Amino acid sequence: MAFDEKLAGRIRKRLGKRAGLTEKQMFGGIAFLLNGNMCCGVHGEEMIVRLAPKETEDALSDPHTHFFDLTGRPMKGWILVKPKGLTTDAALGKWVGVATKYAGSLPAK
C-alpha cells in the first residue's frame, strides 16, 4: 500500500530533530518511533496516532478520527486521523504533540 509522502514530510518537519527519533516502514506505510516506541505514522492518506489508552475515547470524539484497526479488533491507544483533520499546521501539531507526549512517557526499547 502506498502512503501519503506529503503527509509524512509534514509530520517529519513537525517532529524535527528529536533525540531518539527514527523512521521505519510499517503497516504498509511509515512509522515514526521515539526511543524505539512508535508515536505516529502514515497509513494510506491518514495519520496514525499512538496515545494513552485512557485518552482514546476523548480522541475519537473528534469528527475526523477513528480506530486504527488492521485485525478486526481495534485497540485502545491507536487512532487514525483523516486528511480533513490535518488541513492546518496547528491541527497536525496537535496530533504530533499527543503522540510524542505518550511515546516519550514510555521506557526506551
PDB file of N, CA and C in Angstrom:
ATOM      1  N   MET A   1       0.844  -1.184   0.000  1.00  0.00           N
ATOM      2  CA  MET A   1       0.000   0.000   0.000  1.00  0.00           C
ATOM      3  C   MET A   1       0.885   1.241   0.000  1.00  0.00           C
ATOM      4  N   ALA A   2       0.555   2.154  -0.876  1.00  0.00           N
ATOM      5  CA  ALA A   2       1.278   3.424  -0.903  1.00  0.00           C
ATOM      6  C   ALA A   2       0.770   4.314   0.229  1.00  0.00           C
ATOM      7  N   PHE A   3       1.611   5.249   0.655  1.00  0.00           N
ATOM      8  CA  PHE A   3       1.189   6.173   1.702  1.00  0.00           C
ATOM      9  C   PHE A   3       1.478   7.599   1.252  1.00  0.00           C
ATOM     10  N   ASP A   4       0.829   8.532   1.881  1.00  0.00           N
ATOM     11  CA  ASP A   4       0.926   9.946   1.527  1.00  0.00           C
ATOM     12  C   ASP A   4       2.281  10.502   1.953  1.00  0.00           C
ATOM     13  N   GLU A   5       3.182  10.617   0.984  1.00  0.00           N
ATOM     14  CA  GLU A   5       4.534  11.109   1.252  1.00  0.00           C
ATOM     15  C   GLU A   5       4.512  12.560   1.721  1.00  0.00           C
ATOM     16  N   LYS A   6       3.568  13.346   1.216  1.00  0.00           N
ATOM     17  CA  LYS A   6       3.479  14.747   1.625  1.00  0.00           C
ATOM     18  C   LYS A   6       3.125  14.843   3.110  1.00  0.00           C
ATOM     19  N   LEU A   7       2.169  14.023   3.549  1.00  0.00           N
ATOM     20  CA  LEU A   7       1.810  13.999   4.967  1.00  0.00           C
ATOM     21  C   LEU A   7       3.003  13.541   5.801  1.00  0.00           C
ATOM     22  N   ALA A   8       3.709  12.520   5.325  1.00  0.00           N
ATOM     23  CA  ALA A   8       4.899  12.047   6.051  1.00  0.00           C
ATOM     24  C   ALA A   8       5.917  13.175   6.190  1.00  0.00           C
ATOM     25  N   GLY A   9       6.083  13.965   5.141  1.00  0.00           N
ATOM     26  CA  GLY A   9       7.008  15.094   5.197  1.00  0.00           C
ATOM     27  C   GLY A   9       6.572  16.157   6.190  1.00  0.00           C
ATOM     28  N   ARG A  10       5.264  16.419   6.243  1.00  0.00           N
ATOM     29  CA  ARG A  10       4.746  17.397   7.208  1.00  0.00           C
ATOM     30  C   ARG A  10       4.985  16.918   8.640  1.00  0.00           C
ATOM     31  N   ILE A  11       4.748  15.624   8.870  1.00  0.00           N
ATOM     32  CA  ILE A  11       4.971  15.066  10.208  1.00  0.00           C
ATOM     33  C   ILE A  11       6.458  15.120  10.547  1.00  0.00           C
ATOM     34  N   ARG A  12       7.282  14.717   9.609  1.00  0.00           N
ATOM     35  CA  ARG A  12       8.734  14.730   9.805  1.00  0.00           C
ATOM     36  C   ARG A  12       9.210  16.135  10.190  1.00  0.00           C
ATOM     37  N   LYS A  13       8.709  17.133   9.474  1.00  0.00           N
ATOM     38  CA  LYS A  13       9.081  18.519   9.759  1.00  0.00           C
ATOM     39  C   LYS A  13       8.637  18.920  11.162  1.00  0.00           C
ATOM     40  N   ARG A  14       7.420  18.534  11.549  1.00  0.00           N
ATOM     41  CA  ARG A  14       6.877  18.891  12.857  1.00  0.00           C
ATOM     42  C   ARG A  14       7.649  18.191  13.973  1.00  0.00           C
ATOM     43  N   LEU A  15       8.061  16.948  13.737  1.00  0.00           N
ATOM     44  CA  LEU A  15       8.830  16.215  14.746  1.00  0.00           C
ATOM     45  C   LEU A  15      10.217  16.820  14.944  1.00  0.00           C
ATOM     46  N   GLY A  16      10.767  17.369  13.891  1.00  0.00           N
ATOM     47  CA  GLY A  16      12.088  17.983  13.990  1.00  0.00           C
ATOM     48  C   GLY A  16      13.186  16.959  14.212  1.00  0.00           C
ATOM     49  N   LYS A  17      14.248  17.382  14.819  1.00  0.00           N
ATOM     50  CA  LYS A  17      15.415  16.528  15.042  1.00  0.00           C
ATOM     51  C   LYS A  17      15.503  16.111  16.501  1.00  0.00           C
ATOM     52  N   ARG A  18      14.467  15.463  16.977  1.00  0.00           N
ATOM     53  CA  ARG A  18      14.439  14.999  18.363  1.00  0.00           C
ATOM     54  C   ARG A  18      15.442  13.868  18.564  1.00  0.00           C
ATOM     55  N   ALA A  19      16.051  13.844  19.712  1.00  0.00           N
ATOM     56  CA  ALA A  19      16.925  12.722  20.069  1.00  0.00           C
ATOM     57  C   ALA A  19      16.069  11.465  20.156  1.00  0.00           C
ATOM     58  N   GLY A  20      16.577  10.369  19.618  1.00  0.00           N
ATOM     59  CA  GLY A  20      15.884   9.094  19.713  1.00  0.00           C
ATOM     60  C   GLY A  20      14.812   8.875  18.660  1.00  0.00           C
ATOM     61  N   LEU A  21      14.695   9.768  17.677  1.00  0.00           N
ATOM     62  CA  LEU A  21      13.672   9.657  16.648  1.00  0.00           C
ATOM     63  C   LEU A  21      14.190   8.825  15.475  1.00  0.00           C
ATOM     64  N   THR A  22      13.425   7.824  15.072  1.00  0.00           N
ATOM     65  CA  THR A  22      13.765   7.004  13.908  1.00  0.00           C
ATOM     66  C   THR A  22      12.509   6.792  13.069  1.00  0.00           C
ATOM     67  N   GLU A  23      12.710   6.326  11.857  1.00  0.00           N
ATOM     68  CA  GLU A  23      11.613   6.013  10.947  1.00  0.00           C
ATOM     69  C   GLU A  23      11.719   4.551  10.538  1.00  0.00           C
ATOM     70  N   LYS A  24      10.552   3.934  10.321  1.00  0.00           N
ATOM     71  CA  LYS A  24      10.531   2.528   9.943  1.00  0.00           C
ATOM     72  C   LYS A  24       9.306   2.273   9.077  1.00  0.00           C
ATOM     73  N   GLN A  25       9.465   1.487   8.027  1.00  0.00           N
ATOM     74  CA  GLN A  25       8.326   1.091   7.212  1.00  0.00           C
ATOM     75  C   GLN A  25       7.501   0.071   8.015  1.00  0.00           C
ATOM     76  N   MET A  26       6.228   0.384   8.236  1.00  0.00           N
ATOM     77  CA  MET A  26       5.328  -0.489   8.993  1.00  0.00           C
ATOM     78  C   MET A  26       3.907  -0.298   8.493  1.00  0.00           C
ATOM     79  N   PHE A  27       3.066  -1.302   8.660  1.00  0.00           N
ATOM     80  CA  PHE A  27       1.636  -1.217   8.360  1.00  0.00           C
ATOM     81  C   PHE A  27       1.379  -0.783   6.920  1.00  0.00           C
ATOM     82  N   GLY A  28       2.289  -1.057   6.006  1.00  0.00           N
ATOM     83  CA  GLY A  28       2.127  -0.612   4.633  1.00  0.00           C
ATOM     84  C   GLY A  28       2.360   0.878   4.476  1.00  0.00           C
ATOM     85  N   GLY A  29       2.919   1.504   5.484  1.00  0.00           N
ATOM     86  CA  GLY A  29       3.194   2.938   5.457  1.00  0.00           C
ATOM     87  C   GLY A  29       4.504   3.221   6.148  1.00  0.00           C
ATOM     88  N   ILE A  30       4.543   4.326   6.850  1.00  0.00           N
ATOM     89  CA  ILE A  30       5.758   4.702   7.576  1.00  0.00           C
ATOM     90  C   ILE A  30       5.398   5.026   9.022  1.00  0.00           C
ATOM     91  N   ALA A  31       6.285   4.634   9.915  1.00  0.00           N
ATOM     92  CA  ALA A  31       6.091   4.909  11.341  1.00  0.00           C
ATOM     93  C   ALA A  31       7.264   5.735  11.845  1.00  0.00           C
ATOM     94  N   PHE A  32       6.971   6.629  12.765  1.00  0.00           N
ATOM     95  CA  PHE A  32       7.988   7.423  13.441  1.00  0.00           C
ATOM     96  C   PHE A  32       8.061   6.905  14.868  1.00  0.00           C
ATOM     97  N   LEU A  33       9.258   6.521  15.282  1.00  0.00           N
ATOM     98  CA  LEU A  33       9.467   5.956  16.604  1.00  0.00           C
ATOM     99  C   LEU A  33      10.296   6.911  17.451  1.00  0.00           C
ATOM    100  N   LEU A  34       9.948   6.994  18.698  1.00  0.00           N
ATOM    101  CA  LEU A  34      10.669   7.814  19.652  1.00  0.00           C
ATOM    102  C   LEU A  34      11.242   6.881  20.704  1.00  0.00           C
ATOM    103  N   ASN A  35      12.557   6.791  20.758  1.00  0.00           N
ATOM    104  CA  ASN A  35      13.251   5.870  21.681  1.00  0.00           C
ATOM    105  C   ASN A  35      12.774   4.432  21.518  1.00  0.00           C
ATOM    106  N   GLY A  36      12.476   4.060  20.262  1.00  0.00           N
ATOM    107  CA  GLY A  36      12.061   2.696  19.955  1.00  0.00           C
ATOM    108  C   GLY A  36      10.576   2.439  20.081  1.00  0.00           C
ATOM    109  N   ASN A  37       9.811   3.413  20.544  1.00  0.00           N
ATOM    110  CA  ASN A  37       8.359   3.271  20.690  1.00  0.00           C
ATOM    111  C   ASN A  37       7.660   4.056  19.586  1.00  0.00           C
ATOM    112  N   MET A  38       6.747   3.392  18.882  1.00  0.00           N
ATOM    113  CA  MET A  38       6.038   4.104  17.833  1.00  0.00           C
ATOM    114  C   MET A  38       5.219   5.236  18.438  1.00  0.00           C
ATOM    115  N   CYS A  39       5.288   6.402  17.803  1.00  0.00           N
ATOM    116  CA  CYS A  39       4.467   7.523  18.282  1.00  0.00           C
ATOM    117  C   CYS A  39       3.442   7.934  17.236  1.00  0.00           C
ATOM    118  N   CYS A  40       3.813   7.943  15.978  1.00  0.00           N
ATOM    119  CA  CYS A  40       2.857   8.309  14.941  1.00  0.00           C
ATOM    120  C   CYS A  40       3.357   7.772  13.609  1.00  0.00           C
ATOM    121  N   GLY A  41       2.545   7.953  12.584  1.00  0.00           N
ATOM    122  CA  GLY A  41       2.940   7.481  11.274  1.00  0.00           C
ATOM    123  C   GLY A  41       1.890   7.825  10.242  1.00  0.00           C
ATOM    124  N   VAL A  42       2.048   7.220   9.074  1.00  0.00           N
ATOM    125  CA  VAL A  42       1.115   7.437   7.976  1.00  0.00           C
ATOM    126  C   VAL A  42       0.695   6.085   7.433  1.00  0.00           C
ATOM    127  N   HIS A  43      -0.615   5.909   7.303  1.00  0.00           N
ATOM    128  CA  HIS A  43      -1.217   4.704   6.733  1.00  0.00           C
ATOM    129  C   HIS A  43      -2.145   5.179   5.632  1.00  0.00           C
ATOM    130  N   GLY A  44      -1.792   4.910   4.388  1.00  0.00           N
ATOM    131  CA  GLY A  44      -2.574   5.446   3.279  1.00  0.00           C
ATOM    132  C   GLY A  44      -2.471   6.956   3.277  1.00  0.00           C
ATOM    133  N   GLU A  45      -3.602   7.616   3.409  1.00  0.00           N
ATOM    134  CA  GLU A  45      -3.596   9.086   3.474  1.00  0.00           C
ATOM    135  C   GLU A  45      -3.960   9.596   4.857  1.00  0.00           C
ATOM    136  N   GLU A  46      -3.950   8.703   5.836  1.00  0.00           N
ATOM    137  CA  GLU A  46      -4.319   9.070   7.206  1.00  0.00           C
ATOM    138  C   GLU A  46      -3.106   9.026   8.131  1.00  0.00           C
ATOM    139  N   MET A  47      -3.198   9.801   9.203  1.00  0.00           N
ATOM    140  CA  MET A  47      -2.145   9.820  10.207  1.00  0.00           C
ATOM    141  C   MET A  47      -2.467   8.821  11.310  1.00  0.00           C
ATOM    142  N   ILE A  48      -1.499   7.991  11.650  1.00  0.00           N
ATOM    143  CA  ILE A  48      -1.614   7.092  12.791  1.00  0.00           C
ATOM    144  C   ILE A  48      -1.135   7.866  14.012  1.00  0.00           C
ATOM    145  N   VAL A  49      -1.919   7.828  15.070  1.00  0.00           N
ATOM    146  CA  VAL A  49      -1.538   8.490  16.319  1.00  0.00           C
ATOM    147  C   VAL A  49      -1.603   7.465  17.440  1.00  0.00           C
ATOM    148  N   ARG A  50      -0.508   7.318  18.155  1.00  0.00           N
ATOM    149  CA  ARG A  50      -0.497   6.479  19.347  1.00  0.00           C
ATOM    150  C   ARG A  50      -0.662   7.401  20.541  1.00  0.00           C
ATOM    151  N   LEU A  51      -1.575   7.040  21.421  1.00  0.00           N
ATOM    152  CA  LEU A  51      -1.867   7.891  22.567  1.00  0.00           C
ATOM    153  C   LEU A  51      -2.157   7.037  23.782  1.00  0.00           C
ATOM    154  N   ALA A  52      -2.236   7.681  24.921  1.00  0.00           N
ATOM    155  CA  ALA A  52      -2.546   6.954  26.153  1.00  0.00           C
ATOM    156  C   ALA A  52      -3.885   6.246  25.975  1.00  0.00           C
ATOM    157  N   PRO A  53      -3.959   4.953  26.278  1.00  0.00           N
ATOM    158  CA  PRO A  53      -5.213   4.224  26.098  1.00  0.00           C
ATOM    159  C   PRO A  53      -6.411   4.901  26.753  1.00  0.00           C
ATOM    160  N   LYS A  54      -6.214   5.522  27.921  1.00  0.00           N
ATOM    161  CA  LYS A  54      -7.330   6.172  28.608  1.00  0.00           C
ATOM    162  C   LYS A  54      -7.822   7.419  27.871  1.00  0.00           C
ATOM    163  N   GLU A  55      -7.048   7.919  26.900  1.00  0.00           N
ATOM    164  CA  GLU A  55      -7.433   9.109  26.135  1.00  0.00           C
ATOM    165  C   GLU A  55      -8.110   8.766  24.806  1.00  0.00           C
ATOM    166  N   THR A  56      -8.234   7.479  24.516  1.00  0.00           N
ATOM    167  CA  THR A  56      -8.773   7.048  23.222  1.00  0.00           C
ATOM    168  C   THR A  56     -10.179   7.561  22.973  1.00  0.00           C
ATOM    169  N   GLU A  57     -11.076   7.364  23.927  1.00  0.00           N
ATOM    170  CA  GLU A  57     -12.471   7.762  23.713  1.00  0.00           C
ATOM    171  C   GLU A  57     -12.599   9.260  23.475  1.00  0.00           C
ATOM    172  N   ASP A  58     -11.857  10.068  24.225  1.00  0.00           N
ATOM    173  CA  ASP A  58     -11.887  11.516  24.002  1.00  0.00           C
ATOM    174  C   ASP A  58     -11.381  11.863  22.610  1.00  0.00           C
ATOM    175  N   ALA A  59     -10.316  11.216  22.182  1.00  0.00           N
ATOM    176  CA  ALA A  59      -9.761  11.490  20.854  1.00  0.00           C
ATOM    177  C   ALA A  59     -10.755  11.105  19.759  1.00  0.00           C
ATOM    178  N   LEU A  60     -11.488  10.032  19.975  1.00  0.00           N
ATOM    179  CA  LEU A  60     -12.456   9.579  18.982  1.00  0.00           C
ATOM    180  C   LEU A  60     -13.686  10.478  18.891  1.00  0.00           C
ATOM    181  N   SER A  61     -13.815  11.424  19.815  1.00  0.00           N
ATOM    182  CA  SER A  61     -14.931  12.374  19.730  1.00  0.00           C
ATOM    183  C   SER A  61     -14.674  13.416  18.643  1.00  0.00           C
ATOM    184  N   ASP A  62     -13.433  13.528  18.179  1.00  0.00           N
ATOM    185  CA  ASP A  62     -13.119  14.409  17.056  1.00  0.00           C
ATOM    186  C   ASP A  62     -13.767  13.801  15.807  1.00  0.00           C
ATOM    187  N   PRO A  63     -14.459  14.605  14.996  1.00  0.00           N
ATOM    188  CA  PRO A  63     -15.174  14.045  13.840  1.00  0.00           C
ATOM    189  C   PRO A  63     -14.261  13.461  12.756  1.00  0.00           C
ATOM    190  N   HIS A  64     -12.980  13.721  12.818  1.00  0.00           N
ATOM    191  CA  HIS A  64     -12.066  13.252  11.780  1.00  0.00           C
ATOM    192  C   HIS A  64     -11.193  12.094  12.237  1.00  0.00           C
ATOM    193  N   THR A  65     -11.600  11.404  13.288  1.00  0.00           N
ATOM    194  CA  THR A  65     -10.802  10.296  13.808  1.00  0.00           C
ATOM    195  C   THR A  65     -11.605   9.004  13.821  1.00  0.00           C
ATOM    196  N   HIS A  66     -10.880   7.907  13.816  1.00  0.00           N
ATOM    197  CA  HIS A  66     -11.488   6.587  14.008  1.00  0.00           C
ATOM    198  C   HIS A  66     -10.400   5.633  14.492  1.00  0.00           C
ATOM    199  N   PHE A  67     -10.828   4.473  14.971  1.00  0.00           N
ATOM    200  CA  PHE A  67      -9.862   3.481  15.458  1.00  0.00           C
ATOM    201  C   PHE A  67      -8.907   3.058  14.351  1.00  0.00           C
ATOM    202  N   PHE A  68      -7.671   2.794  14.719  1.00  0.00           N
ATOM    203  CA  PHE A  68      -6.702   2.163  13.826  1.00  0.00           C
ATOM    204  C   PHE A  68      -6.888   0.670  14.026  1.00  0.00           C
ATOM    205  N   ASP A  69      -7.440   0.019  13.022  1.00  0.00           N
ATOM    206  CA  ASP A  69      -7.832  -1.378  13.163  1.00  0.00           C
ATOM    207  C   ASP A  69      -7.415  -2.159  11.926  1.00  0.00           C
ATOM    208  N   LEU A  70      -6.368  -2.954  12.045  1.00  0.00           N
ATOM    209  CA  LEU A  70      -5.928  -3.794  10.938  1.00  0.00           C
ATOM    210  C   LEU A  70      -6.350  -5.248  11.109  1.00  0.00           C
ATOM    211  N   THR A  71      -6.834  -5.602  12.284  1.00  0.00           N
ATOM    212  CA  THR A  71      -7.093  -7.011  12.589  1.00  0.00           C
ATOM    213  C   THR A  71      -8.562  -7.333  12.831  1.00  0.00           C
ATOM    214  N   GLY A  72      -9.421  -6.335  12.853  1.00  0.00           N
ATOM    215  CA  GLY A  72     -10.822  -6.574  13.199  1.00  0.00           C
ATOM    216  C   GLY A  72     -11.089  -6.421  14.686  1.00  0.00           C
ATOM    217  N   ARG A  73     -10.028  -6.153  15.462  1.00  0.00           N
ATOM    218  CA  ARG A  73     -10.162  -5.927  16.901  1.00  0.00           C
ATOM    219  C   ARG A  73      -9.426  -4.644  17.256  1.00  0.00           C
ATOM    220  N   PRO A  74     -10.123  -3.506  17.200  1.00  0.00           N
ATOM    221  CA  PRO A  74      -9.441  -2.235  17.483  1.00  0.00           C
ATOM    222  C   PRO A  74      -8.869  -2.207  18.893  1.00  0.00           C
ATOM    223  N   MET A  75      -7.715  -1.560  19.006  1.00  0.00           N
ATOM    224  CA  MET A  75      -7.048  -1.453  20.302  1.00  0.00           C
ATOM    225  C   MET A  75      -7.135  -0.026  20.812  1.00  0.00           C
ATOM    226  N   LYS A  76      -7.341   0.120  22.080  1.00  0.00           N
ATOM    227  CA  LYS A  76      -7.277   1.450  22.681  1.00  0.00           C
ATOM    228  C   LYS A  76      -5.845   1.939  22.586  1.00  0.00           C
ATOM    229  N   GLY A  77      -5.704   3.231  22.365  1.00  0.00           N
ATOM    230  CA  GLY A  77      -4.381   3.812  22.287  1.00  0.00           C
ATOM    231  C   GLY A  77      -3.857   3.986  20.868  1.00  0.00           C
ATOM    232  N   TRP A  78      -4.654   3.635  19.876  1.00  0.00           N
ATOM    233  CA  TRP A  78      -4.252   3.777  18.478  1.00  0.00           C
ATOM    234  C   TRP A  78      -5.433   4.331  17.699  1.00  0.00           C
ATOM    235  N   ILE A  79      -5.242   5.465  17.027  1.00  0.00           N
ATOM    236  CA  ILE A  79      -6.302   6.036  16.199  1.00  0.00           C
ATOM    237  C   ILE A  79      -5.723   6.471  14.854  1.00  0.00           C
ATOM    238  N   LEU A  80      -6.622   6.707  13.921  1.00  0.00           N
ATOM    239  CA  LEU A  80      -6.271   7.311  12.636  1.00  0.00           C
ATOM    240  C   LEU A  80      -6.964   8.656  12.542  1.00  0.00           C
ATOM    241  N   VAL A  81      -6.279   9.617  11.954  1.00  0.00           N
ATOM    242  CA  VAL A  81      -6.853  10.940  11.716  1.00  0.00           C
ATOM    243  C   VAL A  81      -6.964  11.112  10.207  1.00  0.00           C
ATOM    244  N   LYS A  82      -8.166  11.407   9.755  1.00  0.00           N
ATOM    245  CA  LYS A  82      -8.433  11.598   8.330  1.00  0.00           C
ATOM    246  C   LYS A  82      -7.801  12.902   7.837  1.00  0.00           C
ATOM    247  N   PRO A  83      -7.551  12.994   6.528  1.00  0.00           N
ATOM    248  CA  PRO A  83      -6.941  14.215   5.984  1.00  0.00           C
ATOM    249  C   PRO A  83      -7.674  15.502   6.370  1.00  0.00           C
ATOM    250  N   LYS A  84      -8.998  15.471   6.459  1.00  0.00           N
ATOM    251  CA  LYS A  84      -9.745  16.677   6.834  1.00  0.00           C
ATOM    252  C   LYS A  84      -9.402  17.157   8.240  1.00  0.00           C
ATOM    253  N   GLY A  85      -8.888  16.282   9.075  1.00  0.00           N
ATOM    254  CA  GLY A  85      -8.492  16.661  10.424  1.00  0.00           C
ATOM    255  C   GLY A  85      -7.052  17.142  10.517  1.00  0.00           C
ATOM    256  N   LEU A  86      -6.380  17.228   9.359  1.00  0.00           N
ATOM    257  CA  LEU A  86      -4.958  17.590   9.336  1.00  0.00           C
ATOM    258  C   LEU A  86      -4.667  18.728   8.367  1.00  0.00           C
ATOM    259  N   THR A  87      -5.674  19.498   8.031  1.00  0.00           N
ATOM    260  CA  THR A  87      -5.511  20.510   6.985  1.00  0.00           C
ATOM    261  C   THR A  87      -4.606  21.665   7.393  1.00  0.00           C
ATOM    262  N   THR A  88      -4.566  21.990   8.677  1.00  0.00           N
ATOM    263  CA  THR A  88      -3.720  23.101   9.120  1.00  0.00           C
ATOM    264  C   THR A  88      -2.503  22.577   9.875  1.00  0.00           C
ATOM    265  N   ASP A  89      -1.479  23.409   9.951  1.00  0.00           N
ATOM    266  CA  ASP A  89      -0.292  23.036  10.725  1.00  0.00           C
ATOM    267  C   ASP A  89      -0.635  22.884  12.205  1.00  0.00           C
ATOM    268  N   ALA A  90      -1.571  23.707  12.684  1.00  0.00           N
ATOM    269  CA  ALA A  90      -1.974  23.612  14.094  1.00  0.00           C
ATOM    270  C   ALA A  90      -2.652  22.278  14.375  1.00  0.00           C
ATOM    271  N   ALA A  91      -3.517  21.832  13.464  1.00  0.00           N
ATOM    272  CA  ALA A  91      -4.200  20.547  13.656  1.00  0.00           C
ATOM    273  C   ALA A  91      -3.198  19.402  13.643  1.00  0.00           C
ATOM    274  N   LEU A  92      -2.279  19.425  12.693  1.00  0.00           N
ATOM    275  CA  LEU A  92      -1.247  18.395  12.643  1.00  0.00           C
ATOM    276  C   LEU A  92      -0.400  18.442  13.911  1.00  0.00           C
ATOM    277  N   GLY A  93      -0.035  19.643  14.324  1.00  0.00           N
ATOM    278  CA  GLY A  93       0.785  19.802  15.528  1.00  0.00           C
ATOM    279  C   GLY A  93       0.125  19.258  16.771  1.00  0.00           C
ATOM    280  N   LYS A  94      -1.198  19.413  16.845  1.00  0.00           N
ATOM    281  CA  LYS A  94      -1.937  18.876  17.991  1.00  0.00           C
ATOM    282  C   LYS A  94      -1.722  17.364  18.086  1.00  0.00           C
ATOM    283  N   TRP A  95      -1.896  16.657  16.965  1.00  0.00           N
ATOM    284  CA  TRP A  95      -1.781  15.189  16.992  1.00  0.00           C
ATOM    285  C   TRP A  95      -0.343  14.733  17.167  1.00  0.00           C
ATOM    286  N   VAL A  96       0.608  15.447  16.583  1.00  0.00           N
ATOM    287  CA  VAL A  96       2.021  15.106  16.802  1.00  0.00           C
ATOM    288  C   VAL A  96       2.342  15.280  18.284  1.00  0.00           C
ATOM    289  N   GLY A  97       1.822  16.329  18.900  1.00  0.00           N
ATOM    290  CA  GLY A  97       2.046  16.555  20.329  1.00  0.00           C
ATOM    291  C   GLY A  97       1.468  15.459  21.198  1.00  0.00           C
ATOM    292  N   VAL A  98       0.260  15.024  20.872  1.00  0.00           N
ATOM    293  CA  VAL A  98      -0.375  13.929  21.620  1.00  0.00           C
ATOM    294  C   VAL A  98       0.488  12.674  21.518  1.00  0.00           C
ATOM    295  N   ALA A  99       0.927  12.362  20.302  1.00  0.00           N
ATOM    296  CA  ALA A  99       1.697  11.139  20.072  1.00  0.00           C
ATOM    297  C   ALA A  99       3.063  11.171  20.739  1.00  0.00           C
ATOM    298  N   THR A 100       3.765  12.291  20.618  1.00  0.00           N
ATOM    299  CA  THR A 100       5.103  12.352  21.213  1.00  0.00           C
ATOM    300  C   THR A 100       5.046  12.401  22.732  1.00  0.00           C
ATOM    301  N   LYS A 101       4.004  13.002  23.263  1.00  0.00           N
ATOM    302  CA  LYS A 101       3.847  13.023  24.727  1.00  0.00           C
ATOM    303  C   LYS A 101       3.724  11.600  25.260  1.00  0.00           C
ATOM    304  N   TYR A 102       2.879  10.794  24.616  1.00  0.00           N
ATOM    305  CA  TYR A 102       2.689   9.432  25.097  1.00  0.00           C
ATOM    306  C   TYR A 102       3.940   8.583  24.850  1.00  0.00           C
ATOM    307  N   ALA A 103       4.452   8.595  23.630  1.00  0.00           N
ATOM    308  CA  ALA A 103       5.630   7.777  23.335  1.00  0.00           C
ATOM    309  C   ALA A 103       6.813   8.182  24.206  1.00  0.00           C
ATOM    310  N   GLY A 104       6.936   9.476  24.473  1.00  0.00           N
ATOM    311  CA  GLY A 104       8.014   9.951  25.318  1.00  0.00           C
ATOM    312  C   GLY A 104       7.889   9.529  26.776  1.00  0.00           C
ATOM    313  N   SER A 105       6.690   9.124  27.176  1.00  0.00           N
ATOM    314  CA  SER A 105       6.477   8.690  28.557  1.00  0.00           C
ATOM    315  C   SER A 105       6.805   7.212  28.763  1.00  0.00           C
ATOM    316  N   LEU A 106       7.030   6.500  27.675  1.00  0.00           N
ATOM    317  CA  LEU A 106       7.284   5.057  27.746  1.00  0.00           C
ATOM    318  C   LEU A 106       8.781   4.777  27.932  1.00  0.00           C
ATOM    319  N   PRO A 107       9.127   3.660  28.559  1.00  0.00           N
ATOM    320  CA  PRO A 107      10.545   3.305  28.680  1.00  0.00           C
ATOM    321  C   PRO A 107      11.142   3.053  27.289  1.00  0.00           C
ATOM    322  N   ALA A 108      12.377   3.447  27.084  1.00  0.00           N
ATOM    323  CA  ALA A 108      13.040   3.230  25.806  1.00  0.00           C
ATOM    324  C   ALA A 108      13.190   1.738  25.550  1.00  0.00           C
ATOM    325  N   LYS A 109      13.110   1.385  24.298  1.00  0.00           N
ATOM    326  CA  LYS A 109      13.296  -0.027  23.894  1.00  0.00           C
ATOM    327  C   LYS A 109      14.695  -0.234  23.392  1.00  0.00           C
TER     328      LYS A 109
END
